[in-house]
Amino acid sequence: MDLTHGLACNSRCEEEVERIIALIRNNVKLSATVPKRLAANRRAIAVTSAFYLVIGSIFLTAGISHDVSLLTALGGCFLAFGLFSLSRMREVPKADAKDSAK
C-alpha cells in the first residue's frame, strides 16, 4: 500500500509505517531549531561555569584569609566543579555558521 512517503503491506504494517513517517516529519521540523539550542546550551554551560569559578574563588579567598578550613574546602570544590563544567563544554558541538543562517 502506498502511504505517500512510504510503502506498507495492506493492514499489517500500515500503522507502523505511518508512525515512522510522522517521526521523520517531526525530526525534520525540529532540525531547524538545533543550532539555536546548541548555542544556548553552550552559553548556559559557560555562565554556570563562570558562576562556580567566581563563588569558588570568593570562598577560597575568604577561607584562606580567615583560616576557616570549611570555606577553603568549599572554595576548592566550587573551583574544581567550575573547571569540570567548563571542560564539558567541549562535548557540546558548535552550531555551524551556515546552519545558523537558515
N, C-alpha and C. Protein backbone atom coordinates (compact mmCIF):
# COMPACT_ATOMS: atom_id res chain seq x y z
N MET A 1 0.84 -1.18 0.00
CA MET A 1 0.00 0.00 0.00
C MET A 1 0.89 1.24 0.00
N ASP A 2 0.53 2.21 -0.80
CA ASP A 2 1.29 3.46 -0.91
C ASP A 2 0.77 4.46 0.11
N LEU A 3 1.67 4.96 0.98
CA LEU A 3 1.29 5.94 2.01
C LEU A 3 1.93 7.31 1.72
N THR A 4 2.09 7.66 0.50
CA THR A 4 2.68 8.90 0.01
C THR A 4 4.18 8.98 0.27
N HIS A 5 4.60 8.88 1.53
CA HIS A 5 6.03 8.96 1.86
C HIS A 5 6.58 7.61 2.31
N GLY A 6 5.86 6.55 2.04
CA GLY A 6 6.33 5.23 2.43
C GLY A 6 5.44 4.15 1.87
N LEU A 7 5.92 2.93 1.93
CA LEU A 7 5.16 1.79 1.45
C LEU A 7 4.91 0.85 2.62
N ALA A 8 3.75 0.21 2.61
CA ALA A 8 3.43 -0.76 3.66
C ALA A 8 2.55 -1.85 3.09
N CYS A 9 2.60 -3.01 3.71
CA CYS A 9 1.70 -4.08 3.29
C CYS A 9 0.29 -3.75 3.80
N ASN A 10 -0.70 -4.22 3.10
CA ASN A 10 -2.10 -3.94 3.47
C ASN A 10 -2.41 -4.45 4.87
N SER A 11 -2.96 -3.58 5.67
CA SER A 11 -3.48 -3.83 7.03
C SER A 11 -2.46 -4.38 8.03
N ARG A 12 -1.34 -4.86 7.58
CA ARG A 12 -0.39 -5.45 8.51
C ARG A 12 0.60 -4.42 9.05
N CYS A 13 1.16 -3.59 8.22
CA CYS A 13 2.24 -2.68 8.62
C CYS A 13 1.87 -1.21 8.50
N GLU A 14 0.67 -0.89 8.12
CA GLU A 14 0.29 0.49 7.84
C GLU A 14 0.50 1.42 9.03
N GLU A 15 0.05 1.01 10.20
CA GLU A 15 0.19 1.87 11.39
C GLU A 15 1.65 2.12 11.72
N GLU A 16 2.47 1.09 11.64
CA GLU A 16 3.89 1.26 11.96
C GLU A 16 4.57 2.19 10.96
N VAL A 17 4.26 2.06 9.69
CA VAL A 17 4.86 2.92 8.68
C VAL A 17 4.37 4.36 8.86
N GLU A 18 3.10 4.54 9.21
CA GLU A 18 2.58 5.89 9.46
C GLU A 18 3.27 6.52 10.65
N ARG A 19 3.57 5.75 11.69
CA ARG A 19 4.30 6.27 12.86
C ARG A 19 5.72 6.66 12.48
N ILE A 20 6.37 5.86 11.64
CA ILE A 20 7.72 6.18 11.19
C ILE A 20 7.72 7.46 10.35
N ILE A 21 6.73 7.60 9.48
CA ILE A 21 6.62 8.81 8.66
C ILE A 21 6.40 10.03 9.54
N ALA A 22 5.54 9.91 10.56
CA ALA A 22 5.29 11.02 11.49
C ALA A 22 6.57 11.36 12.26
N LEU A 23 7.33 10.34 12.66
CA LEU A 23 8.59 10.57 13.36
C LEU A 23 9.58 11.33 12.48
N ILE A 24 9.69 10.93 11.23
CA ILE A 24 10.61 11.61 10.31
C ILE A 24 10.17 13.06 10.10
N ARG A 25 8.87 13.29 9.92
CA ARG A 25 8.38 14.67 9.76
C ARG A 25 8.71 15.52 10.98
N ASN A 26 8.51 14.96 12.15
CA ASN A 26 8.80 15.68 13.39
C ASN A 26 10.29 16.00 13.49
N ASN A 27 11.15 15.05 13.15
CA ASN A 27 12.60 15.29 13.19
C ASN A 27 13.02 16.36 12.22
N VAL A 28 12.43 16.36 11.03
CA VAL A 28 12.76 17.40 10.04
C VAL A 28 12.33 18.77 10.56
N LYS A 29 11.15 18.83 11.18
CA LYS A 29 10.65 20.10 11.71
C LYS A 29 11.55 20.61 12.84
N LEU A 30 12.00 19.72 13.72
CA LEU A 30 12.83 20.12 14.86
C LEU A 30 14.27 20.41 14.47
N SER A 31 14.73 19.87 13.36
CA SER A 31 16.14 20.05 12.99
C SER A 31 16.48 21.52 12.74
N ALA A 32 15.51 22.35 12.41
CA ALA A 32 15.77 23.78 12.20
C ALA A 32 16.15 24.49 13.50
N THR A 33 15.72 23.96 14.64
CA THR A 33 15.99 24.61 15.92
C THR A 33 17.29 24.15 16.57
N VAL A 34 17.93 23.14 16.01
CA VAL A 34 19.13 22.56 16.64
C VAL A 34 20.26 23.57 16.82
N PRO A 35 20.63 24.37 15.81
CA PRO A 35 21.74 25.32 16.03
C PRO A 35 21.47 26.31 17.17
N LYS A 36 20.24 26.81 17.28
CA LYS A 36 19.91 27.72 18.38
C LYS A 36 20.01 27.02 19.72
N ARG A 37 19.53 25.79 19.78
CA ARG A 37 19.58 25.05 21.04
C ARG A 37 21.01 24.73 21.46
N LEU A 38 21.85 24.38 20.48
CA LEU A 38 23.25 24.11 20.80
C LEU A 38 23.94 25.37 21.32
N ALA A 39 23.71 26.49 20.66
CA ALA A 39 24.32 27.75 21.11
C ALA A 39 23.83 28.13 22.50
N ALA A 40 22.55 27.96 22.77
CA ALA A 40 22.00 28.27 24.09
C ALA A 40 22.60 27.35 25.15
N ASN A 41 22.79 26.09 24.82
CA ASN A 41 23.37 25.14 25.75
C ASN A 41 24.82 25.51 26.08
N ARG A 42 25.58 25.88 25.07
CA ARG A 42 26.98 26.29 25.30
C ARG A 42 27.04 27.55 26.16
N ARG A 43 26.14 28.51 25.91
CA ARG A 43 26.10 29.74 26.74
C ARG A 43 25.76 29.40 28.18
N ALA A 44 24.79 28.52 28.38
CA ALA A 44 24.39 28.15 29.74
C ALA A 44 25.54 27.48 30.48
N ILE A 45 26.27 26.61 29.80
CA ILE A 45 27.41 25.95 30.44
C ILE A 45 28.48 26.98 30.80
N ALA A 46 28.74 27.93 29.90
CA ALA A 46 29.76 28.95 30.16
C ALA A 46 29.36 29.82 31.35
N VAL A 47 28.09 30.22 31.42
CA VAL A 47 27.64 31.09 32.51
C VAL A 47 27.68 30.35 33.85
N THR A 48 27.20 29.12 33.89
CA THR A 48 27.22 28.39 35.16
C THR A 48 28.65 28.06 35.58
N SER A 49 29.51 27.76 34.62
CA SER A 49 30.92 27.50 34.96
C SER A 49 31.56 28.75 35.55
N ALA A 50 31.29 29.90 34.94
CA ALA A 50 31.83 31.16 35.46
C ALA A 50 31.31 31.43 36.87
N PHE A 51 30.04 31.15 37.10
CA PHE A 51 29.46 31.33 38.44
C PHE A 51 30.19 30.46 39.47
N TYR A 52 30.38 29.18 39.14
CA TYR A 52 31.08 28.28 40.07
C TYR A 52 32.51 28.74 40.32
N LEU A 53 33.18 29.22 39.28
CA LEU A 53 34.56 29.69 39.44
C LEU A 53 34.62 30.94 40.30
N VAL A 54 33.70 31.87 40.13
CA VAL A 54 33.68 33.10 40.94
C VAL A 54 33.37 32.76 42.40
N ILE A 55 32.33 31.97 42.63
CA ILE A 55 31.96 31.59 44.00
C ILE A 55 33.11 30.82 44.65
N GLY A 56 33.72 29.92 43.89
CA GLY A 56 34.85 29.16 44.43
C GLY A 56 36.00 30.06 44.80
N SER A 57 36.29 31.05 43.97
CA SER A 57 37.38 31.99 44.27
C SER A 57 37.08 32.80 45.53
N ILE A 58 35.83 33.24 45.66
CA ILE A 58 35.43 34.02 46.85
C ILE A 58 35.56 33.17 48.11
N PHE A 59 35.02 31.95 48.07
CA PHE A 59 35.08 31.08 49.25
C PHE A 59 36.54 30.72 49.58
N LEU A 60 37.32 30.41 48.55
CA LEU A 60 38.71 30.03 48.79
C LEU A 60 39.49 31.19 49.39
N THR A 61 39.30 32.39 48.85
CA THR A 61 40.00 33.56 49.38
C THR A 61 39.58 33.85 50.82
N ALA A 62 38.27 33.78 51.07
CA ALA A 62 37.78 34.02 52.44
C ALA A 62 38.28 32.96 53.40
N GLY A 63 38.27 31.71 52.95
CA GLY A 63 38.74 30.63 53.81
C GLY A 63 40.21 30.74 54.15
N ILE A 64 41.02 31.10 53.17
CA ILE A 64 42.46 31.23 53.42
C ILE A 64 42.76 32.45 54.28
N SER A 65 42.10 33.58 53.99
CA SER A 65 42.40 34.80 54.74
C SER A 65 41.90 34.74 56.17
N HIS A 66 40.80 34.04 56.43
CA HIS A 66 40.26 33.95 57.80
C HIS A 66 40.59 32.62 58.46
N ASP A 67 41.39 31.80 57.79
CA ASP A 67 41.80 30.49 58.31
C ASP A 67 40.61 29.62 58.71
N VAL A 68 39.65 29.52 57.79
CA VAL A 68 38.48 28.68 58.01
C VAL A 68 38.53 27.54 56.99
N SER A 69 38.83 26.35 57.48
CA SER A 69 39.06 25.23 56.57
C SER A 69 37.81 24.82 55.80
N LEU A 70 36.63 25.01 56.39
CA LEU A 70 35.40 24.66 55.68
C LEU A 70 35.22 25.53 54.43
N LEU A 71 35.44 26.83 54.58
CA LEU A 71 35.34 27.73 53.42
C LEU A 71 36.40 27.41 52.38
N THR A 72 37.60 27.08 52.84
CA THR A 72 38.67 26.73 51.92
C THR A 72 38.31 25.48 51.13
N ALA A 73 37.77 24.48 51.81
CA ALA A 73 37.36 23.24 51.15
C ALA A 73 36.21 23.50 50.18
N LEU A 74 35.22 24.29 50.61
CA LEU A 74 34.11 24.61 49.72
C LEU A 74 34.59 25.37 48.49
N GLY A 75 35.49 26.31 48.71
CA GLY A 75 36.04 27.07 47.59
C GLY A 75 36.76 26.17 46.61
N GLY A 76 37.54 25.25 47.12
CA GLY A 76 38.24 24.30 46.26
C GLY A 76 37.29 23.43 45.47
N CYS A 77 36.21 22.99 46.14
CA CYS A 77 35.21 22.16 45.46
C CYS A 77 34.49 22.94 44.36
N PHE A 78 34.10 24.18 44.67
CA PHE A 78 33.44 25.00 43.65
C PHE A 78 34.38 25.27 42.47
N LEU A 79 35.64 25.55 42.75
CA LEU A 79 36.60 25.78 41.67
C LEU A 79 36.77 24.53 40.81
N ALA A 80 36.90 23.39 41.46
CA ALA A 80 37.07 22.13 40.72
C ALA A 80 35.84 21.84 39.87
N PHE A 81 34.65 22.05 40.44
CA PHE A 81 33.43 21.79 39.67
C PHE A 81 33.27 22.79 38.53
N GLY A 82 33.69 24.04 38.75
CA GLY A 82 33.65 25.03 37.68
C GLY A 82 34.55 24.64 36.52
N LEU A 83 35.74 24.17 36.84
CA LEU A 83 36.66 23.72 35.80
C LEU A 83 36.13 22.48 35.08
N PHE A 84 35.54 21.57 35.86
CA PHE A 84 34.95 20.37 35.26
C PHE A 84 33.80 20.75 34.33
N SER A 85 32.94 21.66 34.77
CA SER A 85 31.82 22.10 33.92
C SER A 85 32.33 22.77 32.65
N LEU A 86 33.36 23.57 32.79
CA LEU A 86 33.93 24.25 31.63
C LEU A 86 34.52 23.23 30.64
N SER A 87 35.12 22.19 31.16
CA SER A 87 35.70 21.17 30.27
C SER A 87 34.61 20.39 29.54
N ARG A 88 33.45 20.29 30.12
CA ARG A 88 32.34 19.57 29.46
C ARG A 88 31.77 20.35 28.28
N MET A 89 32.05 21.63 28.21
CA MET A 89 31.53 22.44 27.11
C MET A 89 32.11 21.95 25.78
N ARG A 90 33.28 21.34 25.81
CA ARG A 90 33.88 20.81 24.59
C ARG A 90 33.03 19.69 23.99
N GLU A 91 32.26 19.00 24.82
CA GLU A 91 31.43 17.89 24.34
C GLU A 91 30.20 18.37 23.58
N VAL A 92 29.79 19.61 23.80
CA VAL A 92 28.63 20.15 23.09
C VAL A 92 29.11 20.68 21.75
N PRO A 93 28.61 20.11 20.66
CA PRO A 93 29.10 20.57 19.34
C PRO A 93 28.70 22.00 19.07
N LYS A 94 29.57 22.69 18.32
CA LYS A 94 29.27 24.06 17.92
C LYS A 94 28.30 24.03 16.76
N ALA A 95 27.39 24.98 16.73
CA ALA A 95 26.47 25.09 15.61
C ALA A 95 27.24 25.67 14.43
N ASP A 96 27.07 25.08 13.25
CA ASP A 96 27.75 25.59 12.06
C ASP A 96 27.17 26.94 11.69
N ALA A 97 28.00 27.83 11.20
CA ALA A 97 27.55 29.16 10.80
C ALA A 97 26.55 29.07 9.66
N LYS A 98 26.73 28.12 8.74
CA LYS A 98 25.79 28.01 7.62
C LYS A 98 24.45 27.46 8.10
N ASP A 99 24.45 26.59 9.13
CA ASP A 99 23.18 26.10 9.67
C ASP A 99 22.43 27.18 10.40
N SER A 100 23.16 28.10 11.06
CA SER A 100 22.52 29.18 11.82
C SER A 100 21.87 30.18 10.90
N ALA A 101 22.41 30.35 9.70
CA ALA A 101 21.90 31.35 8.77
C ALA A 101 20.56 30.94 8.16
N LYS A 102 20.25 29.66 8.21
CA LYS A 102 18.99 29.19 7.59
C LYS A 102 17.77 29.63 8.34
